[in-house]
PDB file of N, CA and C in Angstrom:
ATOM      1  N   UNK A   1       9.189 -11.496  38.681  1.00  0.00           N
ATOM      2  CA  UNK A   1       8.542 -12.266  39.540  1.00  0.00           C
ATOM      3  C   UNK A   1       7.825 -13.463  38.787  1.00  0.00           C
ATOM      4  N   UNK A   2       7.840 -14.770  39.300  1.00  0.00           N
ATOM      5  CA  UNK A   2       7.157 -15.748  38.478  1.00  0.00           C
ATOM      6  C   UNK A   2       5.799 -15.657  38.544  1.00  0.00           C
ATOM      7  N   UNK A   3       5.303 -16.091  37.344  1.00  0.00           N
ATOM      8  CA  UNK A   3       3.788 -16.218  37.168  1.00  0.00           C
ATOM      9  C   UNK A   3       3.242 -17.261  38.081  1.00  0.00           C
ATOM     10  N   UNK A   4       2.134 -17.017  38.726  1.00  0.00           N
ATOM     11  CA  UNK A   4       1.367 -17.939  39.690  1.00  0.00           C
ATOM     12  C   UNK A   4       0.753 -18.954  38.818  1.00  0.00           C
ATOM     13  N   UNK A   5       0.995 -20.321  39.301  1.00  0.00           N
ATOM     14  CA  UNK A   5       0.288 -21.300  38.644  1.00  0.00           C
ATOM     15  C   UNK A   5      -1.275 -21.353  39.010  1.00  0.00           C
ATOM     16  N   UNK A   6      -2.029 -21.527  37.904  1.00  0.00           N
ATOM     17  CA  UNK A   6      -3.485 -21.513  38.200  1.00  0.00           C
ATOM     18  C   UNK A   6      -3.802 -22.967  38.683  1.00  0.00           C
ATOM     19  N   UNK A   7      -4.553 -23.143  39.728  1.00  0.00           N
ATOM     20  CA  UNK A   7      -4.980 -24.506  40.224  1.00  0.00           C
ATOM     21  C   UNK A   7      -5.917 -25.189  39.284  1.00  0.00           C
ATOM     22  N   UNK A   8      -5.762 -26.305  39.027  1.00  0.00           N
ATOM     23  CA  UNK A   8      -6.724 -27.188  38.266  1.00  0.00           C
ATOM     24  C   UNK A   8      -7.942 -27.578  39.206  1.00  0.00           C
ATOM     25  N   UNK A   9      -8.915 -28.068  38.658  1.00  0.00           N
ATOM     26  CA  UNK A   9     -10.106 -28.558  39.423  1.00  0.00           C
ATOM     27  C   UNK A   9      -9.717 -29.508  40.469  1.00  0.00           C
ATOM     28  N   UNK A  10      -8.862 -30.529  40.171  1.00  0.00           N
ATOM     29  CA  UNK A  10      -8.453 -31.518  41.040  1.00  0.00           C
ATOM     30  C   UNK A  10      -7.643 -30.993  42.209  1.00  0.00           C
ATOM     31  N   UNK A  11      -6.764 -30.057  41.923  1.00  0.00           N
ATOM     32  CA  UNK A  11      -5.993 -29.294  42.882  1.00  0.00           C
ATOM     33  C   UNK A  11      -6.813 -28.389  43.779  1.00  0.00           C
ATOM     34  N   UNK A  12      -7.686 -27.756  43.173  1.00  0.00           N
ATOM     35  CA  UNK A  12      -8.723 -26.944  44.022  1.00  0.00           C
ATOM     36  C   UNK A  12      -9.376 -27.843  45.064  1.00  0.00           C
ATOM     37  N   UNK A  13      -9.866 -29.073  44.599  1.00  0.00           N
ATOM     38  CA  UNK A  13     -10.579 -29.962  45.393  1.00  0.00           C
ATOM     39  C   UNK A  13      -9.628 -30.386  46.584  1.00  0.00           C
ATOM     40  N   UNK A  14      -8.415 -30.665  46.227  1.00  0.00           N
ATOM     41  CA  UNK A  14      -7.456 -31.287  47.200  1.00  0.00           C
ATOM     42  C   UNK A  14      -7.175 -30.151  48.270  1.00  0.00           C
ATOM     43  N   UNK A  15      -7.037 -28.931  47.783  1.00  0.00           N
ATOM     44  CA  UNK A  15      -6.641 -27.826  48.802  1.00  0.00           C
ATOM     45  C   UNK A  15      -8.032 -27.481  49.565  1.00  0.00           C
ATOM     46  N   UNK A  16      -9.178 -27.725  49.089  1.00  0.00           N
ATOM     47  CA  UNK A  16     -10.400 -27.659  49.968  1.00  0.00           C
ATOM     48  C   UNK A  16     -10.417 -28.716  51.036  1.00  0.00           C
ATOM     49  N   UNK A  17      -9.964 -29.949  50.659  1.00  0.00           N
ATOM     50  CA  UNK A  17      -9.848 -30.935  51.843  1.00  0.00           C
ATOM     51  C   UNK A  17      -8.884 -30.496  52.810  1.00  0.00           C
ATOM     52  N   UNK A  18      -7.784 -30.061  52.339  1.00  0.00           N
ATOM     53  CA  UNK A  18      -6.616 -29.637  53.364  1.00  0.00           C
ATOM     54  C   UNK A  18      -7.189 -28.639  54.303  1.00  0.00           C
ATOM     55  N   UNK A  19      -7.808 -27.661  53.731  1.00  0.00           N
ATOM     56  CA  UNK A  19      -8.396 -26.423  54.323  1.00  0.00           C
ATOM     57  C   UNK A  19      -9.330 -26.888  55.448  1.00  0.00           C
ATOM     58  N   UNK A  20     -10.069 -28.032  55.031  1.00  0.00           N
ATOM     59  CA  UNK A  20     -11.172 -28.380  55.907  1.00  0.00           C
ATOM     60  C   UNK A  20     -10.715 -29.078  57.292  1.00  0.00           C
ATOM     61  N   UNK A  21      -9.293 -29.326  57.241  1.00  0.00           N
ATOM     62  CA  UNK A  21      -8.616 -29.968  58.508  1.00  0.00           C
ATOM     63  C   UNK A  21      -8.560 -28.953  59.726  1.00  0.00           C
ATOM     64  N   UNK A  22      -8.308 -27.613  59.258  1.00  0.00           N
ATOM     65  CA  UNK A  22      -7.967 -26.577  60.188  1.00  0.00           C
ATOM     66  C   UNK A  22      -6.542 -26.651  60.472  1.00  0.00           C
ATOM     67  N   UNK A  23      -5.914 -25.747  61.107  1.00  0.00           N
ATOM     68  CA  UNK A  23      -4.603 -25.466  61.358  1.00  0.00           C
ATOM     69  C   UNK A  23      -4.067 -26.826  62.026  1.00  0.00           C
ATOM     70  N   UNK A  24      -2.895 -27.260  61.572  1.00  0.00           N
ATOM     71  CA  UNK A  24      -2.217 -28.393  62.090  1.00  0.00           C
ATOM     72  C   UNK A  24      -1.758 -28.192  63.650  1.00  0.00           C
ATOM     73  N   UNK A  25      -1.555 -26.940  63.886  1.00  0.00           N
ATOM     74  CA  UNK A  25      -1.020 -26.727  65.328  1.00  0.00           C
ATOM     75  C   UNK A  25      -2.193 -26.441  66.310  1.00  0.00           C
ATOM     76  N   UNK A  26      -3.155 -25.616  65.802  1.00  0.00           N
ATOM     77  CA  UNK A  26      -4.185 -25.134  66.812  1.00  0.00           C
ATOM     78  C   UNK A  26      -5.644 -25.361  66.290  1.00  0.00           C
ATOM     79  N   UNK A  27      -5.890 -25.940  65.175  1.00  0.00           N
ATOM     80  CA  UNK A  27      -7.162 -26.190  64.566  1.00  0.00           C
ATOM     81  C   UNK A  27      -7.878 -25.061  64.225  1.00  0.00           C
ATOM     82  N   UNK A  28      -7.530 -23.781  64.225  1.00  0.00           N
ATOM     83  CA  UNK A  28      -8.162 -22.640  63.771  1.00  0.00           C
ATOM     84  C   UNK A  28      -8.346 -22.619  62.326  1.00  0.00           C
ATOM     85  N   UNK A  29      -9.131 -21.839  61.721  1.00  0.00           N
ATOM     86  CA  UNK A  29      -9.315 -21.806  60.206  1.00  0.00           C
ATOM     87  C   UNK A  29      -8.048 -21.478  59.534  1.00  0.00           C
ATOM     88  N   UNK A  30      -7.669 -22.239  58.554  1.00  0.00           N
ATOM     89  CA  UNK A  30      -6.205 -22.033  58.029  1.00  0.00           C
ATOM     90  C   UNK A  30      -6.031 -21.323  56.741  1.00  0.00           C
ATOM     91  N   UNK A  31      -4.787 -20.943  56.530  1.00  0.00           N
ATOM     92  CA  UNK A  31      -4.333 -20.552  55.078  1.00  0.00           C
ATOM     93  C   UNK A  31      -3.548 -21.773  54.778  1.00  0.00           C
ATOM     94  N   UNK A  32      -3.438 -21.917  53.526  1.00  0.00           N
ATOM     95  CA  UNK A  32      -2.599 -23.010  53.054  1.00  0.00           C
ATOM     96  C   UNK A  32      -1.109 -22.587  52.721  1.00  0.00           C
ATOM     97  N   UNK A  33      -0.244 -23.335  53.238  1.00  0.00           N
ATOM     98  CA  UNK A  33       1.209 -23.082  53.121  1.00  0.00           C
ATOM     99  C   UNK A  33       1.726 -24.071  52.186  1.00  0.00           C
ATOM    100  N   UNK A  34       2.311 -23.558  51.093  1.00  0.00           N
ATOM    101  CA  UNK A  34       3.021 -24.405  50.093  1.00  0.00           C
ATOM    102  C   UNK A  34       4.424 -24.772  50.584  1.00  0.00           C
ATOM    103  N   UNK A  35       4.673 -26.045  50.808  1.00  0.00           N
ATOM    104  CA  UNK A  35       6.020 -26.390  51.395  1.00  0.00           C
ATOM    105  C   UNK A  35       7.031 -26.097  50.158  1.00  0.00           C
ATOM    106  N   UNK A  36       8.160 -25.806  50.579  1.00  0.00           N
ATOM    107  CA  UNK A  36       9.182 -25.584  49.605  1.00  0.00           C
ATOM    108  C   UNK A  36      10.256 -26.810  49.524  1.00  0.00           C
ATOM    109  N   UNK A  37      10.009 -27.627  48.429  1.00  0.00           N
ATOM    110  CA  UNK A  37      10.928 -28.825  48.358  1.00  0.00           C
ATOM    111  C   UNK A  37      12.454 -28.315  48.324  1.00  0.00           C
ATOM    112  N   UNK A  38      13.293 -29.211  48.652  1.00  0.00           N
ATOM    113  CA  UNK A  38      14.825 -28.737  48.631  1.00  0.00           C
ATOM    114  C   UNK A  38      15.186 -28.562  47.170  1.00  0.00           C
ATOM    115  N   UNK A  39      15.913 -27.484  46.835  1.00  0.00           N
ATOM    116  CA  UNK A  39      16.299 -27.064  45.616  1.00  0.00           C
ATOM    117  C   UNK A  39      15.409 -26.150  44.881  1.00  0.00           C
ATOM    118  N   UNK A  40      14.127 -25.906  45.494  1.00  0.00           N
ATOM    119  CA  UNK A  40      13.193 -25.067  44.793  1.00  0.00           C
ATOM    120  C   UNK A  40      13.624 -23.681  45.250  1.00  0.00           C
ATOM    121  N   UNK A  41      13.805 -22.671  44.211  1.00  0.00           N
ATOM    122  CA  UNK A  41      14.287 -21.363  44.504  1.00  0.00           C
ATOM    123  C   UNK A  41      13.206 -20.470  45.389  1.00  0.00           C
ATOM    124  N   UNK A  42      13.665 -19.478  45.950  1.00  0.00           N
ATOM    125  CA  UNK A  42      12.808 -18.561  46.633  1.00  0.00           C
ATOM    126  C   UNK A  42      11.992 -17.955  45.532  1.00  0.00           C
ATOM    127  N   UNK A  43      10.645 -17.703  45.853  1.00  0.00           N
ATOM    128  CA  UNK A  43       9.753 -17.217  45.032  1.00  0.00           C
ATOM    129  C   UNK A  43       9.110 -18.202  44.065  1.00  0.00           C
ATOM    130  N   UNK A  44       9.631 -19.318  44.148  1.00  0.00           N
ATOM    131  CA  UNK A  44       9.000 -20.521  43.342  1.00  0.00           C
ATOM    132  C   UNK A  44       7.991 -21.310  44.184  1.00  0.00           C
ATOM    133  N   UNK A  45       6.755 -21.396  43.776  1.00  0.00           N
ATOM    134  CA  UNK A  45       5.743 -22.139  44.634  1.00  0.00           C
ATOM    135  C   UNK A  45       5.680 -23.626  44.231  1.00  0.00           C
ATOM    136  N   UNK A  46       5.665 -24.438  45.215  1.00  0.00           N
ATOM    137  CA  UNK A  46       5.647 -25.846  44.915  1.00  0.00           C
ATOM    138  C   UNK A  46       4.201 -26.261  44.383  1.00  0.00           C
ATOM    139  N   UNK A  47       3.920 -27.555  44.166  1.00  0.00           N
ATOM    140  CA  UNK A  47       2.785 -28.102  43.647  1.00  0.00           C
ATOM    141  C   UNK A  47       1.571 -27.663  44.681  1.00  0.00           C
ATOM    142  N   UNK A  48       0.385 -27.603  44.087  1.00  0.00           N
ATOM    143  CA  UNK A  48      -0.874 -27.191  44.913  1.00  0.00           C
ATOM    144  C   UNK A  48      -1.163 -28.467  45.786  1.00  0.00           C
ATOM    145  N   UNK A  49      -0.501 -29.649  45.511  1.00  0.00           N
ATOM    146  CA  UNK A  49      -0.869 -30.904  46.258  1.00  0.00           C
ATOM    147  C   UNK A  49       0.116 -30.931  47.458  1.00  0.00           C
ATOM    148  N   UNK A  50       1.224 -29.912  47.510  1.00  0.00           N
ATOM    149  CA  UNK A  50       2.099 -29.990  48.691  1.00  0.00           C
ATOM    150  C   UNK A  50       1.821 -28.797  49.515  1.00  0.00           C
ATOM    151  N   UNK A  51       0.647 -28.778  50.177  1.00  0.00           N
ATOM    152  CA  UNK A  51       0.228 -27.869  50.972  1.00  0.00           C
ATOM    153  C   UNK A  51      -0.165 -28.289  52.393  1.00  0.00           C
ATOM    154  N   UNK A  52       0.023 -27.445  53.482  1.00  0.00           N
ATOM    155  CA  UNK A  52      -0.340 -27.845  54.705  1.00  0.00           C
ATOM    156  C   UNK A  52      -1.181 -26.679  55.258  1.00  0.00           C
ATOM    157  N   UNK A  53      -2.132 -27.023  56.193  1.00  0.00           N
ATOM    158  CA  UNK A  53      -3.020 -26.002  56.765  1.00  0.00           C
ATOM    159  C   UNK A  53      -2.411 -25.339  58.044  1.00  0.00           C
ATOM    160  N   UNK A  54      -2.184 -24.106  57.832  1.00  0.00           N
ATOM    161  CA  UNK A  54      -1.697 -23.343  59.049  1.00  0.00           C
ATOM    162  C   UNK A  54      -2.621 -22.130  59.177  1.00  0.00           C
ATOM    163  N   UNK A  55      -2.983 -21.662  60.458  1.00  0.00           N
ATOM    164  CA  UNK A  55      -3.687 -20.502  60.662  1.00  0.00           C
ATOM    165  C   UNK A  55      -2.715 -19.407  60.302  1.00  0.00           C
ATOM    166  N   UNK A  56      -3.360 -18.081  60.288  1.00  0.00           N
ATOM    167  CA  UNK A  56      -2.534 -16.962  59.828  1.00  0.00           C
ATOM    168  C   UNK A  56      -1.341 -16.748  60.887  1.00  0.00           C
ATOM    169  N   UNK A  57      -1.594 -17.004  62.179  1.00  0.00           N
ATOM    170  CA  UNK A  57      -0.544 -16.836  63.076  1.00  0.00           C
ATOM    171  C   UNK A  57       0.610 -17.764  63.033  1.00  0.00           C
ATOM    172  N   UNK A  58       0.179 -19.081  62.697  1.00  0.00           N
ATOM    173  CA  UNK A  58       1.344 -20.078  62.603  1.00  0.00           C
ATOM    174  C   UNK A  58       1.840 -20.028  60.998  1.00  0.00           C
ATOM    175  N   UNK A  59       1.254 -19.334  60.233  1.00  0.00           N
ATOM    176  CA  UNK A  59       1.730 -19.295  58.792  1.00  0.00           C
ATOM    177  C   UNK A  59       2.595 -18.116  58.635  1.00  0.00           C
ATOM    178  N   UNK A  60       2.093 -16.964  59.034  1.00  0.00           N
ATOM    179  CA  UNK A  60       2.946 -15.603  58.728  1.00  0.00           C
ATOM    180  C   UNK A  60       3.141 -14.790  59.972  1.00  0.00           C
ATOM    181  N   UNK A  61       2.656 -15.218  61.193  1.00  0.00           N
ATOM    182  CA  UNK A  61       2.766 -14.388  62.471  1.00  0.00           C
ATOM    183  C   UNK A  61       4.177 -14.226  62.989  1.00  0.00           C
ATOM    184  N   UNK A  62       4.279 -13.660  64.126  1.00  0.00           N
ATOM    185  CA  UNK A  62       5.498 -13.447  64.767  1.00  0.00           C
ATOM    186  C   UNK A  62       6.363 -14.850  65.026  1.00  0.00           C
ATOM    187  N   UNK A  63       5.619 -15.850  65.462  1.00  0.00           N
ATOM    188  CA  UNK A  63       6.273 -17.120  65.586  1.00  0.00           C
ATOM    189  C   UNK A  63       5.641 -18.200  64.604  1.00  0.00           C
ATOM    190  N   UNK A  64       6.231 -18.176  63.395  1.00  0.00           N
ATOM    191  CA  UNK A  64       5.471 -18.808  62.352  1.00  0.00           C
ATOM    192  C   UNK A  64       6.465 -19.642  61.447  1.00  0.00           C
ATOM    193  N   UNK A  65       5.947 -20.520  60.601  1.00  0.00           N
ATOM    194  CA  UNK A  65       6.922 -21.065  59.727  1.00  0.00           C
ATOM    195  C   UNK A  65       7.591 -20.112  58.605  1.00  0.00           C
ATOM    196  N   UNK A  66       7.024 -18.979  58.507  1.00  0.00           N
ATOM    197  CA  UNK A  66       7.765 -18.093  57.544  1.00  0.00           C
ATOM    198  C   UNK A  66       8.769 -17.148  58.312  1.00  0.00           C
ATOM    199  N   UNK A  67       8.396 -16.953  59.517  1.00  0.00           N
ATOM    200  CA  UNK A  67       9.303 -15.937  60.353  1.00  0.00           C
ATOM    201  C   UNK A  67      10.411 -16.672  61.310  1.00  0.00           C
ATOM    202  N   UNK A  68      10.173 -17.874  61.647  1.00  0.00           N
ATOM    203  CA  UNK A  68      10.956 -18.513  62.640  1.00  0.00           C
ATOM    204  C   UNK A  68      11.011 -19.977  62.191  1.00  0.00           C
ATOM    205  N   UNK A  69      11.363 -20.206  61.055  1.00  0.00           N
ATOM    206  CA  UNK A  69      11.363 -21.720  60.552  1.00  0.00           C
ATOM    207  C   UNK A  69      11.963 -22.662  61.334  1.00  0.00           C
ATOM    208  N   UNK A  70      13.180 -22.315  61.761  1.00  0.00           N
ATOM    209  CA  UNK A  70      13.952 -23.452  62.475  1.00  0.00           C
ATOM    210  C   UNK A  70      13.379 -23.750  63.770  1.00  0.00           C
ATOM    211  N   UNK A  71      12.853 -22.719  64.679  1.00  0.00           N
ATOM    212  CA  UNK A  71      12.370 -23.034  65.756  1.00  0.00           C
ATOM    213  C   UNK A  71      10.893 -23.538  65.677  1.00  0.00           C
ATOM    214  N   UNK A  72      10.205 -23.115  64.584  1.00  0.00           N
ATOM    215  CA  UNK A  72       8.876 -23.668  64.418  1.00  0.00           C
ATOM    216  C   UNK A  72       8.888 -25.168  64.084  1.00  0.00           C
ATOM    217  N   UNK A  73       9.822 -25.532  63.167  1.00  0.00           N
ATOM    218  CA  UNK A  73       9.842 -26.930  62.850  1.00  0.00           C
ATOM    219  C   UNK A  73      10.410 -27.769  63.989  1.00  0.00           C
ATOM    220  N   UNK A  74      11.213 -27.177  64.953  1.00  0.00           N
ATOM    221  CA  UNK A  74      11.825 -27.914  66.082  1.00  0.00           C
ATOM    222  C   UNK A  74      10.499 -28.199  67.012  1.00  0.00           C
ATOM    223  N   UNK A  75       9.627 -27.211  67.014  1.00  0.00           N
ATOM    224  CA  UNK A  75       8.438 -27.380  67.834  1.00  0.00           C
ATOM    225  C   UNK A  75       7.413 -28.265  67.258  1.00  0.00           C
ATOM    226  N   UNK A  76       7.090 -28.184  66.081  1.00  0.00           N
ATOM    227  CA  UNK A  76       6.012 -28.862  65.448  1.00  0.00           C
ATOM    228  C   UNK A  76       6.241 -29.900  64.434  1.00  0.00           C
ATOM    229  N   UNK A  77       7.640 -29.986  63.930  1.00  0.00           N
ATOM    230  CA  UNK A  77       7.813 -30.971  62.849  1.00  0.00           C
ATOM    231  C   UNK A  77       8.168 -30.132  61.690  1.00  0.00           C
ATOM    232  N   UNK A  78       9.042 -30.856  60.777  1.00  0.00           N
ATOM    233  CA  UNK A  78       9.393 -30.176  59.377  1.00  0.00           C
ATOM    234  C   UNK A  78       8.125 -30.055  58.622  1.00  0.00           C
ATOM    235  N   UNK A  79       8.315 -29.210  57.461  1.00  0.00           N
ATOM    236  CA  UNK A  79       7.325 -29.190  56.566  1.00  0.00           C
ATOM    237  C   UNK A  79       7.028 -30.504  55.935  1.00  0.00           C
ATOM    238  N   UNK A  80       7.916 -31.307  55.644  1.00  0.00           N
ATOM    239  CA  UNK A  80       7.682 -32.692  55.068  1.00  0.00           C
ATOM    240  C   UNK A  80       6.941 -33.495  56.108  1.00  0.00           C
ATOM    241  N   UNK A  81       7.238 -33.410  57.328  1.00  0.00           N
ATOM    242  CA  UNK A  81       6.510 -34.298  58.346  1.00  0.00           C
ATOM    243  C   UNK A  81       5.111 -33.721  58.434  1.00  0.00           C
ATOM    244  N   UNK A  82       4.949 -32.496  58.421  1.00  0.00           N
ATOM    245  CA  UNK A  82       3.553 -31.863  58.410  1.00  0.00           C
ATOM    246  C   UNK A  82       2.634 -32.238  57.309  1.00  0.00           C
ATOM    247  N   UNK A  83       3.418 -32.315  56.010  1.00  0.00           N
ATOM    248  CA  UNK A  83       2.815 -32.705  54.808  1.00  0.00           C
ATOM    249  C   UNK A  83       2.377 -34.189  54.941  1.00  0.00           C
ATOM    250  N   UNK A  84       3.068 -34.975  55.544  1.00  0.00           N
ATOM    251  CA  UNK A  84       2.681 -36.465  55.651  1.00  0.00           C
ATOM    252  C   UNK A  84       1.642 -36.553  56.592  1.00  0.00           C
ATOM    253  N   UNK A  85       1.625 -35.805  57.695  1.00  0.00           N
ATOM    254  CA  UNK A  85       0.361 -35.810  58.666  1.00  0.00           C
ATOM    255  C   UNK A  85      -0.817 -35.344  57.807  1.00  0.00           C
ATOM    256  N   UNK A  86      -0.724 -34.276  57.090  1.00  0.00           N
ATOM    257  CA  UNK A  86      -1.903 -33.829  56.368  1.00  0.00           C
ATOM    258  C   UNK A  86      -2.485 -34.823  55.444  1.00  0.00           C
ATOM    259  N   UNK A  87      -1.525 -35.412  54.567  1.00  0.00           N
ATOM    260  CA  UNK A  87      -2.015 -36.417  53.754  1.00  0.00           C
ATOM    261  C   UNK A  87      -2.607 -37.626  54.398  1.00  0.00           C
ATOM    262  N   UNK A  88      -2.093 -37.918  55.495  1.00  0.00           N
ATOM    263  CA  UNK A  88      -2.684 -39.167  56.292  1.00  0.00           C
ATOM    264  C   UNK A  88      -4.153 -38.694  56.809  1.00  0.00           C
ATOM    265  N   UNK A  89      -4.274 -37.479  57.219  1.00  0.00           N
ATOM    266  CA  UNK A  89      -5.645 -37.022  57.791  1.00  0.00           C
ATOM    267  C   UNK A  89      -6.612 -36.923  56.574  1.00  0.00           C
ATOM    268  N   UNK A  90      -6.226 -36.488  55.426  1.00  0.00           N
ATOM    269  CA  UNK A  90      -6.959 -36.507  54.258  1.00  0.00           C
ATOM    270  C   UNK A  90      -7.471 -37.983  53.852  1.00  0.00           C
ATOM    271  N   UNK A  91      -6.507 -38.858  53.927  1.00  0.00           N
ATOM    272  CA  UNK A  91      -6.960 -40.301  53.649  1.00  0.00           C
ATOM    273  C   UNK A  91      -7.957 -40.757  54.495  1.00  0.00           C
ATOM    274  N   UNK A  92      -7.836 -40.625  55.920  1.00  0.00           N
ATOM    275  CA  UNK A  92      -8.726 -40.885  56.869  1.00  0.00           C
ATOM    276  C   UNK A  92     -10.007 -40.363  56.692  1.00  0.00           C
ATOM    277  N   UNK A  93     -10.107 -38.988  56.267  1.00  0.00           N
ATOM    278  CA  UNK A  93     -11.332 -38.456  55.885  1.00  0.00           C
ATOM    279  C   UNK A  93     -12.125 -39.059  54.846  1.00  0.00           C
ATOM    280  N   UNK A  94     -11.166 -39.467  53.752  1.00  0.00           N
ATOM    281  CA  UNK A  94     -11.879 -39.937  52.590  1.00  0.00           C
ATOM    282  C   UNK A  94     -12.401 -41.379  53.002  1.00  0.00           C
ATOM    283  N   UNK A  95     -11.637 -42.127  53.809  1.00  0.00           N
ATOM    284  CA  UNK A  95     -12.209 -43.525  54.159  1.00  0.00           C
ATOM    285  C   UNK A  95     -13.533 -43.265  55.077  1.00  0.00           C
ATOM    286  N   UNK A  96     -13.608 -42.342  55.853  1.00  0.00           N
ATOM    287  CA  UNK A  96     -14.824 -42.127  56.747  1.00  0.00           C
ATOM    288  C   UNK A  96     -15.955 -41.728  55.849  1.00  0.00           C
ATOM    289  N   UNK A  97     -15.717 -40.844  54.804  1.00  0.00           N
ATOM    290  CA  UNK A  97     -16.727 -40.489  53.836  1.00  0.00           C
ATOM    291  C   UNK A  97     -17.077 -41.558  52.952  1.00  0.00           C
ATOM    292  N   UNK A  98     -16.231 -42.495  52.453  1.00  0.00           N
ATOM    293  CA  UNK A  98     -16.532 -43.680  51.661  1.00  0.00           C
ATOM    294  C   UNK A  98     -17.415 -44.634  52.545  1.00  0.00           C
ATOM    295  N   UNK A  99     -17.124 -44.668  53.779  1.00  0.00           N
ATOM    296  CA  UNK A  99     -17.883 -45.612  54.741  1.00  0.00           C
ATOM    297  C   UNK A  99     -19.242 -45.234  54.829  1.00  0.00           C
ATOM    298  N   UNK A 100     -19.455 -43.958  55.067  1.00  0.00           N
ATOM    299  CA  UNK A 100     -20.833 -43.310  55.301  1.00  0.00           C
ATOM    300  C   UNK A 100     -21.615 -43.006  53.868  1.00  0.00           C
ATOM    301  N   UNK A 101     -20.799 -43.133  52.840  1.00  0.00           N
ATOM    302  CA  UNK A 101     -21.469 -42.786  51.533  1.00  0.00           C
ATOM    303  C   UNK A 101     -21.419 -41.519  51.100  1.00  0.00           C
ATOM    304  N   UNK A 102     -20.684 -40.551  51.941  1.00  0.00           N
ATOM    305  CA  UNK A 102     -20.549 -39.053  51.686  1.00  0.00           C
ATOM    306  C   UNK A 102     -19.607 -38.708  50.296  1.00  0.00           C
ATOM    307  N   UNK A 103     -19.955 -37.801  49.621  1.00  0.00           N
ATOM    308  CA  UNK A 103     -19.123 -37.406  48.602  1.00  0.00           C
ATOM    309  C   UNK A 103     -18.689 -36.129  48.741  1.00  0.00           C
TER     310      UNK A 103
END
């Protein structure tokens, strides 16, 4: 089994921002799903920057991205589409925080 990558401080900060969004489907508290880029083998984790927030049910439940990927993506969008939505929402949060002077 491949050794897990240890997240850097910047990666941990990014993942914290992603988690603050809530599940992309239902807004419940999320787990982070590492998307699998094309060509990346099974058991290989992608970058900690390529994560989307999904609650336990939508991440690993009966009808989830891990157990019914084709149906899940047909209903909610592909992993890459969800990643783009996540990154867009993070940018919007950062703009709001910059406007109000939050860090």
